[in-house]
């Protein structure tokens, strides 16, 4: 997204678990939006925590889920990583 690398969900998650977690994530994101529209800081904090919990469960945040010792370039600009040539070729 806008030149940044983002970690994908753990591919080892079974389909049912992944579907449930994505549902939780989307519910939490909708709750963030509702809290922002309502200007309810407490609800916003609760919703953002739910987003974080879902992203951790999906493997998109927290400890890496892969075991090949490859570094985690999440949130790095693609042009500043070993994936720069790959990313440049996507345009």
C-alpha atoms as a PDB file:
ATOM      1  CA  UNK A   1       0.000   0.000   0.000  1.00  0.00           C
ATOM      2  CA  UNK A   2       1.520   3.296  -1.134  1.00  0.00           C
ATOM      3  CA  UNK A   3       4.884   1.616  -1.501  1.00  0.00           C
ATOM      4  CA  UNK A   4       4.943  -0.087   1.897  1.00  0.00           C
ATOM      5  CA  UNK A   5       5.201  -3.798   2.478  1.00  0.00           C
ATOM      6  CA  UNK A   6       2.563  -5.385   4.700  1.00  0.00           C
ATOM      7  CA  UNK A   7       2.568  -8.849   6.161  1.00  0.00           C
ATOM      8  CA  UNK A   8      -0.055 -11.235   4.824  1.00  0.00           C
ATOM      9  CA  UNK A   9      -2.153 -13.476   7.026  1.00  0.00           C
ATOM     10  CA  UNK A  10      -0.657 -16.749   8.142  1.00  0.00           C
ATOM     11  CA  UNK A  11      -1.345 -19.218   5.304  1.00  0.00           C
ATOM     12  CA  UNK A  12      -1.299 -22.094   7.813  1.00  0.00           C
ATOM     13  CA  UNK A  13      -4.634 -20.952   9.277  1.00  0.00           C
ATOM     14  CA  UNK A  14      -7.464 -23.234   8.231  1.00  0.00           C
ATOM     15  CA  UNK A  15     -10.196 -21.657   6.116  1.00  0.00           C
ATOM     16  CA  UNK A  16     -12.847 -21.618   8.838  1.00  0.00           C
ATOM     17  CA  UNK A  17     -10.535 -19.958  11.359  1.00  0.00           C
ATOM     18  CA  UNK A  18      -9.328 -17.422   8.839  1.00  0.00           C
ATOM     19  CA  UNK A  19     -12.894 -16.583   7.783  1.00  0.00           C
ATOM     20  CA  UNK A  20     -13.969 -16.110  11.405  1.00  0.00           C
ATOM     21  CA  UNK A  21     -10.961 -13.915  12.177  1.00  0.00           C
ATOM     22  CA  UNK A  22     -11.487 -11.784   9.066  1.00  0.00           C
ATOM     23  CA  UNK A  23     -15.114 -11.347  10.169  1.00  0.00           C
ATOM     24  CA  UNK A  24     -13.911 -10.235  13.602  1.00  0.00           C
ATOM     25  CA  UNK A  25     -11.472  -7.819  11.973  1.00  0.00           C
ATOM     26  CA  UNK A  26     -14.127  -6.285   9.738  1.00  0.00           C
ATOM     27  CA  UNK A  27     -16.552  -5.945  12.677  1.00  0.00           C
ATOM     28  CA  UNK A  28     -13.836  -4.203  14.666  1.00  0.00           C
ATOM     29  CA  UNK A  29     -13.020  -1.853  11.784  1.00  0.00           C
ATOM     30  CA  UNK A  30     -16.703  -0.938  11.457  1.00  0.00           C
ATOM     31  CA  UNK A  31     -16.770  -0.292  15.211  1.00  0.00           C
ATOM     32  CA  UNK A  32     -13.789   2.056  14.851  1.00  0.00           C
ATOM     33  CA  UNK A  33     -15.670   3.999  12.186  1.00  0.00           C
ATOM     34  CA  UNK A  34     -18.820   4.173  14.286  1.00  0.00           C
ATOM     35  CA  UNK A  35     -16.851   5.347  17.311  1.00  0.00           C
ATOM     36  CA  UNK A  36     -15.107   8.031  15.257  1.00  0.00           C
ATOM     37  CA  UNK A  37     -18.431   9.279  13.879  1.00  0.00           C
ATOM     38  CA  UNK A  38     -19.880   9.321  17.397  1.00  0.00           C
ATOM     39  CA  UNK A  39     -16.710  10.969  18.755  1.00  0.00           C
ATOM     40  CA  UNK A  40     -16.662   8.321  21.488  1.00  0.00           C
ATOM     41  CA  UNK A  41     -13.024   7.956  22.571  1.00  0.00           C
ATOM     42  CA  UNK A  42     -13.691   4.994  24.870  1.00  0.00           C
ATOM     43  CA  UNK A  43     -15.491   3.043  22.143  1.00  0.00           C
ATOM     44  CA  UNK A  44     -12.727   3.961  19.699  1.00  0.00           C
ATOM     45  CA  UNK A  45     -10.033   2.610  22.010  1.00  0.00           C
ATOM     46  CA  UNK A  46     -12.014  -0.593  22.548  1.00  0.00           C
ATOM     47  CA  UNK A  47     -12.563  -1.029  18.804  1.00  0.00           C
ATOM     48  CA  UNK A  48      -8.920  -0.362  17.959  1.00  0.00           C
ATOM     49  CA  UNK A  49      -7.887  -2.957  20.533  1.00  0.00           C
ATOM     50  CA  UNK A  50     -10.242  -5.435  18.830  1.00  0.00           C
ATOM     51  CA  UNK A  51      -8.617  -4.650  15.462  1.00  0.00           C
ATOM     52  CA  UNK A  52      -5.196  -5.289  16.984  1.00  0.00           C
ATOM     53  CA  UNK A  53      -6.351  -8.574  18.535  1.00  0.00           C
ATOM     54  CA  UNK A  54      -7.742  -9.801  15.215  1.00  0.00           C
ATOM     55  CA  UNK A  55      -4.601  -8.783  13.304  1.00  0.00           C
ATOM     56  CA  UNK A  56      -2.409 -10.618  15.824  1.00  0.00           C
ATOM     57  CA  UNK A  57      -4.597 -13.727  15.535  1.00  0.00           C
ATOM     58  CA  UNK A  58      -4.355 -13.574  11.736  1.00  0.00           C
ATOM     59  CA  UNK A  59      -0.564 -13.310  11.963  1.00  0.00           C
ATOM     60  CA  UNK A  60      -0.463  -9.836  10.407  1.00  0.00           C
ATOM     61  CA  UNK A  61       1.072  -8.378  13.575  1.00  0.00           C
ATOM     62  CA  UNK A  62       3.152  -9.754  16.395  1.00  0.00           C
ATOM     63  CA  UNK A  63       5.648 -12.572  16.153  1.00  0.00           C
ATOM     64  CA  UNK A  64       6.391 -13.767  12.638  1.00  0.00           C
ATOM     65  CA  UNK A  65       4.654 -16.963  11.550  1.00  0.00           C
ATOM     66  CA  UNK A  66       7.332 -18.130   9.137  1.00  0.00           C
ATOM     67  CA  UNK A  67      10.266 -20.243  10.227  1.00  0.00           C
ATOM     68  CA  UNK A  68      12.939 -19.648   7.576  1.00  0.00           C
ATOM     69  CA  UNK A  69      14.632 -16.852   9.578  1.00  0.00           C
ATOM     70  CA  UNK A  70      13.763 -14.277   6.892  1.00  0.00           C
ATOM     71  CA  UNK A  71      13.515 -10.761   8.315  1.00  0.00           C
ATOM     72  CA  UNK A  72      10.178  -9.021   8.736  1.00  0.00           C
ATOM     73  CA  UNK A  73       9.971  -5.989   6.444  1.00  0.00           C
ATOM     74  CA  UNK A  74       6.419  -5.073   7.476  1.00  0.00           C
ATOM     75  CA  UNK A  75       5.795  -1.314   7.166  1.00  0.00           C
ATOM     76  CA  UNK A  76       9.116  -0.745   5.387  1.00  0.00           C
ATOM     77  CA  UNK A  77       9.141   1.115   2.098  1.00  0.00           C
ATOM     78  CA  UNK A  78       9.523  -1.559  -0.577  1.00  0.00           C
ATOM     79  CA  UNK A  79      12.194   0.474  -2.369  1.00  0.00           C
ATOM     80  CA  UNK A  80      14.420   0.190   0.727  1.00  0.00           C
ATOM     81  CA  UNK A  81      14.255  -3.604   0.963  1.00  0.00           C
ATOM     82  CA  UNK A  82      15.554  -6.572  -0.993  1.00  0.00           C
ATOM     83  CA  UNK A  83      12.135  -6.566  -2.730  1.00  0.00           C
ATOM     84  CA  UNK A  84      12.796  -3.240  -4.482  1.00  0.00           C
ATOM     85  CA  UNK A  85      13.248  -4.724  -7.972  1.00  0.00           C
ATOM     86  CA  UNK A  86      10.163  -6.925  -7.589  1.00  0.00           C
ATOM     87  CA  UNK A  87       8.099  -3.953  -6.441  1.00  0.00           C
ATOM     88  CA  UNK A  88       9.364  -1.718  -9.263  1.00  0.00           C
ATOM     89  CA  UNK A  89       8.273  -4.371 -11.754  1.00  0.00           C
ATOM     90  CA  UNK A  90       4.663  -4.283 -10.528  1.00  0.00           C
ATOM     91  CA  UNK A  91       3.824  -0.956 -12.145  1.00  0.00           C
END
